[in-house]
Amino acid sequence: MTESKVLARGPVAAAASEHDLLAMVDKFLRDERESNSSPTLLGRQGKKVALPASALRLFHEMIHLLAEGRVVTVVPAAKELTTQQAADILNVSRPYLVRLLDHGEILFSRTGTHRRVRFEDLMSYKLERDTRRSEGLRKLTRASEKFGLYDLPPTNAE
């Protein structure tokens, strides 16, 4: 099977009936990673092969997301993405992503009239965005604690 056929399969979602089993596999893989052990894959004929650390990390992340009920897509890092693919990865609309591109927030190139975003550039933007968001949430939490907002009784919003 060629790489393009594997990657062309698109997003994968687990059935609800699989979530409990995926949660067990997630815990198993977390324990394996924390113990720095090297799990082994076992084939039909009893053939064994060690799972490299990079593959274990990726496999564990995919299993974890599936166990949470999320949809997973594997994208090779060197790939150039369409604006729709990039928007899907950031979980934003395509028009919003295009505005980010046009305002220089994310590097891109053009192939004819089509914009293309390198995966590495998209991930750099995502890391910066997520870092800014986390810092903003930390500041908001500190301010809420400072003003005693966590000590207030909950209000009924009807």
C-alpha atoms as a PDB file:
ATOM      1  CA  MET A   1       0.000   0.000   0.000  1.00  0.00           C
ATOM      2  CA  THR A   2       1.423   3.395  -0.955  1.00  0.00           C
ATOM      3  CA  GLU A   3       1.644   6.342   1.399  1.00  0.00           C
ATOM      4  CA  SER A   4      -0.863   8.401  -0.573  1.00  0.00           C
ATOM      5  CA  LYS A   5      -3.517   5.691  -0.294  1.00  0.00           C
ATOM      6  CA  VAL A   6      -3.040   5.503   3.464  1.00  0.00           C
ATOM      7  CA  LEU A   7      -3.247   9.273   3.888  1.00  0.00           C
ATOM      8  CA  ALA A   8      -6.159   9.672   1.487  1.00  0.00           C
ATOM      9  CA  ARG A   9      -8.471   7.840   3.874  1.00  0.00           C
ATOM     10  CA  GLY A  10      -9.179  11.050   5.782  1.00  0.00           C
ATOM     11  CA  PRO A  11     -10.496  11.552   9.296  1.00  0.00           C
ATOM     12  CA  VAL A  12     -11.129   8.608  11.624  1.00  0.00           C
ATOM     13  CA  ALA A  13     -13.767   8.581  14.344  1.00  0.00           C
ATOM     14  CA  ALA A  14     -14.310   5.783  16.855  1.00  0.00           C
ATOM     15  CA  ALA A  15     -17.745   4.284  17.366  1.00  0.00           C
ATOM     16  CA  ALA A  16     -19.271   5.001  20.770  1.00  0.00           C
ATOM     17  CA  SER A  17     -19.066   1.281  21.535  1.00  0.00           C
ATOM     18  CA  GLU A  18     -15.248   1.478  21.231  1.00  0.00           C
ATOM     19  CA  HIS A  19     -14.673   4.301  23.750  1.00  0.00           C
ATOM     20  CA  ASP A  20     -14.273   2.045  26.818  1.00  0.00           C
ATOM     21  CA  LEU A  21     -11.737  -0.180  25.067  1.00  0.00           C
ATOM     22  CA  LEU A  22      -9.896   2.867  23.726  1.00  0.00           C
ATOM     23  CA  ALA A  23      -9.739   4.298  27.260  1.00  0.00           C
ATOM     24  CA  MET A  24      -8.111   1.047  28.441  1.00  0.00           C
ATOM     25  CA  VAL A  25      -5.591   1.167  25.577  1.00  0.00           C
ATOM     26  CA  ASP A  26      -4.935   4.852  26.348  1.00  0.00           C
ATOM     27  CA  LYS A  27      -4.114   4.016  29.979  1.00  0.00           C
ATOM     28  CA  PHE A  28      -1.902   1.105  28.894  1.00  0.00           C
ATOM     29  CA  LEU A  29       0.048   3.303  26.467  1.00  0.00           C
ATOM     30  CA  ARG A  30       0.392   6.108  29.043  1.00  0.00           C
ATOM     31  CA  ASP A  31       1.819   3.615  31.544  1.00  0.00           C
ATOM     32  CA  GLU A  32       4.203   2.245  28.907  1.00  0.00           C
ATOM     33  CA  ARG A  33       5.418   5.719  27.978  1.00  0.00           C
ATOM     34  CA  GLU A  34       5.881   6.748  31.623  1.00  0.00           C
ATOM     35  CA  SER A  35       7.930   3.631  32.333  1.00  0.00           C
ATOM     36  CA  ASN A  36      10.078   4.294  29.250  1.00  0.00           C
ATOM     37  CA  SER A  37       9.438   0.756  28.088  1.00  0.00           C
ATOM     38  CA  SER A  38       9.235  -0.258  24.469  1.00  0.00           C
ATOM     39  CA  PRO A  39       5.947  -2.015  23.620  1.00  0.00           C
ATOM     40  CA  THR A  40       6.027  -4.722  21.010  1.00  0.00           C
ATOM     41  CA  LEU A  41       3.564  -5.299  18.203  1.00  0.00           C
ATOM     42  CA  LEU A  42       2.538  -8.916  17.727  1.00  0.00           C
ATOM     43  CA  GLY A  43       1.548 -10.090  14.250  1.00  0.00           C
ATOM     44  CA  ARG A  44      -0.711 -12.934  13.151  1.00  0.00           C
ATOM     45  CA  GLN A  45       2.152 -15.355  12.693  1.00  0.00           C
ATOM     46  CA  GLY A  46       3.662 -14.538  16.086  1.00  0.00           C
ATOM     47  CA  LYS A  47       6.141 -12.128  14.504  1.00  0.00           C
ATOM     48  CA  LYS A  48       7.167  -9.363  16.928  1.00  0.00           C
ATOM     49  CA  VAL A  49       8.460  -5.897  16.250  1.00  0.00           C
ATOM     50  CA  ALA A  50       9.358  -3.190  18.775  1.00  0.00           C
ATOM     51  CA  LEU A  51       7.402   0.052  18.509  1.00  0.00           C
ATOM     52  CA  PRO A  52       9.810   3.002  18.212  1.00  0.00           C
ATOM     53  CA  ALA A  53       9.341   5.843  20.720  1.00  0.00           C
ATOM     54  CA  SER A  54       8.178   8.272  18.009  1.00  0.00           C
ATOM     55  CA  ALA A  55       5.531   5.825  16.774  1.00  0.00           C
ATOM     56  CA  LEU A  56       4.440   5.113  20.368  1.00  0.00           C
ATOM     57  CA  ARG A  57       4.008   8.831  21.022  1.00  0.00           C
ATOM     58  CA  LEU A  58       1.923   9.303  17.866  1.00  0.00           C
ATOM     59  CA  PHE A  59      -0.095   6.139  18.427  1.00  0.00           C
ATOM     60  CA  HIS A  60      -0.798   7.125  22.036  1.00  0.00           C
ATOM     61  CA  GLU A  61      -1.950  10.604  21.026  1.00  0.00           C
ATOM     62  CA  MET A  62      -4.291   9.183  18.371  1.00  0.00           C
ATOM     63  CA  ILE A  63      -5.740   6.624  20.804  1.00  0.00           C
ATOM     64  CA  HIS A  64      -6.192   9.291  23.481  1.00  0.00           C
ATOM     65  CA  LEU A  65      -8.101  11.565  21.101  1.00  0.00           C
ATOM     66  CA  LEU A  66     -10.266   8.718  19.811  1.00  0.00           C
ATOM     67  CA  ALA A  67     -11.036   7.677  23.396  1.00  0.00           C
ATOM     68  CA  GLU A  68     -12.261  11.236  24.044  1.00  0.00           C
ATOM     69  CA  GLY A  69     -14.621  10.891  21.088  1.00  0.00           C
ATOM     70  CA  ARG A  70     -12.617  13.202  18.848  1.00  0.00           C
ATOM     71  CA  VAL A  71     -11.917  12.732  15.151  1.00  0.00           C
ATOM     72  CA  VAL A  72      -8.286  12.148  14.114  1.00  0.00           C
ATOM     73  CA  THR A  73      -6.507  12.879  10.849  1.00  0.00           C
ATOM     74  CA  VAL A  74      -2.850  12.136  10.125  1.00  0.00           C
ATOM     75  CA  VAL A  75      -1.104  14.811   8.056  1.00  0.00           C
ATOM     76  CA  PRO A  76       2.540  14.506   6.996  1.00  0.00           C
ATOM     77  CA  ALA A  77       4.593  17.456   8.269  1.00  0.00           C
ATOM     78  CA  ALA A  78       6.135  18.357   4.894  1.00  0.00           C
ATOM     79  CA  LYS A  79       2.767  18.598   3.191  1.00  0.00           C
ATOM     80  CA  GLU A  80       1.308  21.794   1.860  1.00  0.00           C
ATOM     81  CA  LEU A  81      -2.293  22.208   2.900  1.00  0.00           C
ATOM     82  CA  THR A  82      -5.274  23.774   1.221  1.00  0.00           C
ATOM     83  CA  THR A  83      -6.967  26.585   3.080  1.00  0.00           C
ATOM     84  CA  GLN A  84      -9.807  24.220   4.025  1.00  0.00           C
ATOM     85  CA  GLN A  85      -7.387  21.612   5.439  1.00  0.00           C
ATOM     86  CA  ALA A  86      -5.532  24.311   7.394  1.00  0.00           C
ATOM     87  CA  ALA A  87      -8.820  25.722   8.709  1.00  0.00           C
ATOM     88  CA  ASP A  88      -9.910  22.242   9.794  1.00  0.00           C
ATOM     89  CA  ILE A  89      -6.670  21.715  11.726  1.00  0.00           C
ATOM     90  CA  LEU A  90      -7.106  25.061  13.530  1.00  0.00           C
ATOM     91  CA  ASN A  91     -10.824  24.388  13.978  1.00  0.00           C
ATOM     92  CA  VAL A  92     -11.764  27.713  12.378  1.00  0.00           C
ATOM     93  CA  SER A  93     -13.778  28.622   9.292  1.00  0.00           C
ATOM     94  CA  ARG A  94     -12.033  28.828   5.943  1.00  0.00           C
ATOM     95  CA  PRO A  95     -12.908  32.561   5.517  1.00  0.00           C
ATOM     96  CA  TYR A  96     -11.378  33.290   8.941  1.00  0.00           C
ATOM     97  CA  LEU A  97      -8.218  31.395   7.987  1.00  0.00           C
ATOM     98  CA  VAL A  98      -7.985  33.326   4.703  1.00  0.00           C
ATOM     99  CA  ARG A  99      -8.163  36.585   6.700  1.00  0.00           C
ATOM    100  CA  LEU A 100      -5.288  35.328   8.882  1.00  0.00           C
ATOM    101  CA  LEU A 101      -3.283  34.573   5.754  1.00  0.00           C
ATOM    102  CA  ASP A 102      -4.070  37.912   4.126  1.00  0.00           C
ATOM    103  CA  HIS A 103      -3.094  39.785   7.322  1.00  0.00           C
ATOM    104  CA  GLY A 104       0.273  37.976   7.430  1.00  0.00           C
ATOM    105  CA  GLU A 105      -0.484  35.968  10.581  1.00  0.00           C
ATOM    106  CA  ILE A 106       0.440  32.703   8.824  1.00  0.00           C
ATOM    107  CA  LEU A 107       2.920  32.305   5.984  1.00  0.00           C
ATOM    108  CA  PHE A 108       1.545  30.884   2.747  1.00  0.00           C
ATOM    109  CA  SER A 109       2.342  30.535  -0.931  1.00  0.00           C
ATOM    110  CA  ARG A 110       0.214  30.620  -4.036  1.00  0.00           C
ATOM    111  CA  THR A 111      -0.193  27.949  -6.665  1.00  0.00           C
ATOM    112  CA  GLY A 112      -1.955  29.895  -9.374  1.00  0.00           C
ATOM    113  CA  THR A 113      -4.856  31.537  -7.557  1.00  0.00           C
ATOM    114  CA  HIS A 114      -4.908  28.972  -4.738  1.00  0.00           C
ATOM    115  CA  ARG A 115      -3.287  29.608  -1.376  1.00  0.00           C
ATOM    116  CA  ARG A 116      -1.206  26.818   0.142  1.00  0.00           C
ATOM    117  CA  VAL A 117      -0.049  26.640   3.754  1.00  0.00           C
ATOM    118  CA  ARG A 118       2.958  24.597   4.827  1.00  0.00           C
ATOM    119  CA  PHE A 119       2.131  22.344   7.744  1.00  0.00           C
ATOM    120  CA  GLU A 120       5.164  23.599   9.688  1.00  0.00           C
ATOM    121  CA  ASP A 121       4.025  27.220   9.311  1.00  0.00           C
ATOM    122  CA  LEU A 122       0.512  26.336  10.418  1.00  0.00           C
ATOM    123  CA  MET A 123       1.823  24.507  13.492  1.00  0.00           C
ATOM    124  CA  SER A 124       4.089  27.459  14.370  1.00  0.00           C
ATOM    125  CA  TYR A 125       1.072  29.760  14.297  1.00  0.00           C
ATOM    126  CA  LYS A 126      -0.996  27.273  16.317  1.00  0.00           C
ATOM    127  CA  LEU A 127       1.722  26.993  18.984  1.00  0.00           C
ATOM    128  CA  GLU A 128       1.969  30.793  19.264  1.00  0.00           C
ATOM    129  CA  ARG A 129      -1.838  31.133  19.392  1.00  0.00           C
ATOM    130  CA  ASP A 130      -2.196  28.422  22.017  1.00  0.00           C
ATOM    131  CA  THR A 131       0.604  29.964  24.103  1.00  0.00           C
ATOM    132  CA  ARG A 132      -1.114  33.389  23.986  1.00  0.00           C
ATOM    133  CA  ARG A 133      -4.436  31.805  24.944  1.00  0.00           C
ATOM    134  CA  SER A 134      -2.910  29.903  27.859  1.00  0.00           C
ATOM    135  CA  GLU A 135      -1.221  33.032  29.161  1.00  0.00           C
ATOM    136  CA  GLY A 136      -4.481  34.969  28.834  1.00  0.00           C
ATOM    137  CA  LEU A 137      -6.320  32.284  30.785  1.00  0.00           C
ATOM    138  CA  ARG A 138      -3.634  32.314  33.486  1.00  0.00           C
ATOM    139  CA  LYS A 139      -3.982  36.105  33.813  1.00  0.00           C
ATOM    140  CA  LEU A 140      -7.767  35.832  33.968  1.00  0.00           C
ATOM    141  CA  THR A 141      -7.557  33.126  36.629  1.00  0.00           C
ATOM    142  CA  ARG A 142      -5.120  35.197  38.716  1.00  0.00           C
ATOM    143  CA  ALA A 143      -7.384  38.248  38.446  1.00  0.00           C
ATOM    144  CA  SER A 144     -10.448  36.181  39.410  1.00  0.00           C
ATOM    145  CA  GLU A 145      -8.593  34.796  42.435  1.00  0.00           C
ATOM    146  CA  LYS A 146      -7.342  38.265  43.392  1.00  0.00           C
ATOM    147  CA  PHE A 147     -10.880  39.687  43.407  1.00  0.00           C
ATOM    148  CA  GLY A 148     -12.348  36.652  45.176  1.00  0.00           C
ATOM    149  CA  LEU A 149     -14.589  35.680  42.293  1.00  0.00           C
ATOM    150  CA  TYR A 150     -14.101  31.982  43.025  1.00  0.00           C
ATOM    151  CA  ASP A 151     -15.588  32.513  46.488  1.00  0.00           C
ATOM    152  CA  LEU A 152     -18.902  33.895  45.175  1.00  0.00           C
ATOM    153  CA  PRO A 153     -21.952  31.606  45.156  1.00  0.00           C
ATOM    154  CA  PRO A 154     -23.029  30.472  41.676  1.00  0.00           C
ATOM    155  CA  THR A 155     -25.817  32.425  40.008  1.00  0.00           C
ATOM    156  CA  ASN A 156     -28.751  30.815  38.250  1.00  0.00           C
ATOM    157  CA  ALA A 157     -28.755  31.998  34.670  1.00  0.00           C
ATOM    158  CA  GLU A 158     -32.281  31.420  33.427  1.00  0.00           C
END
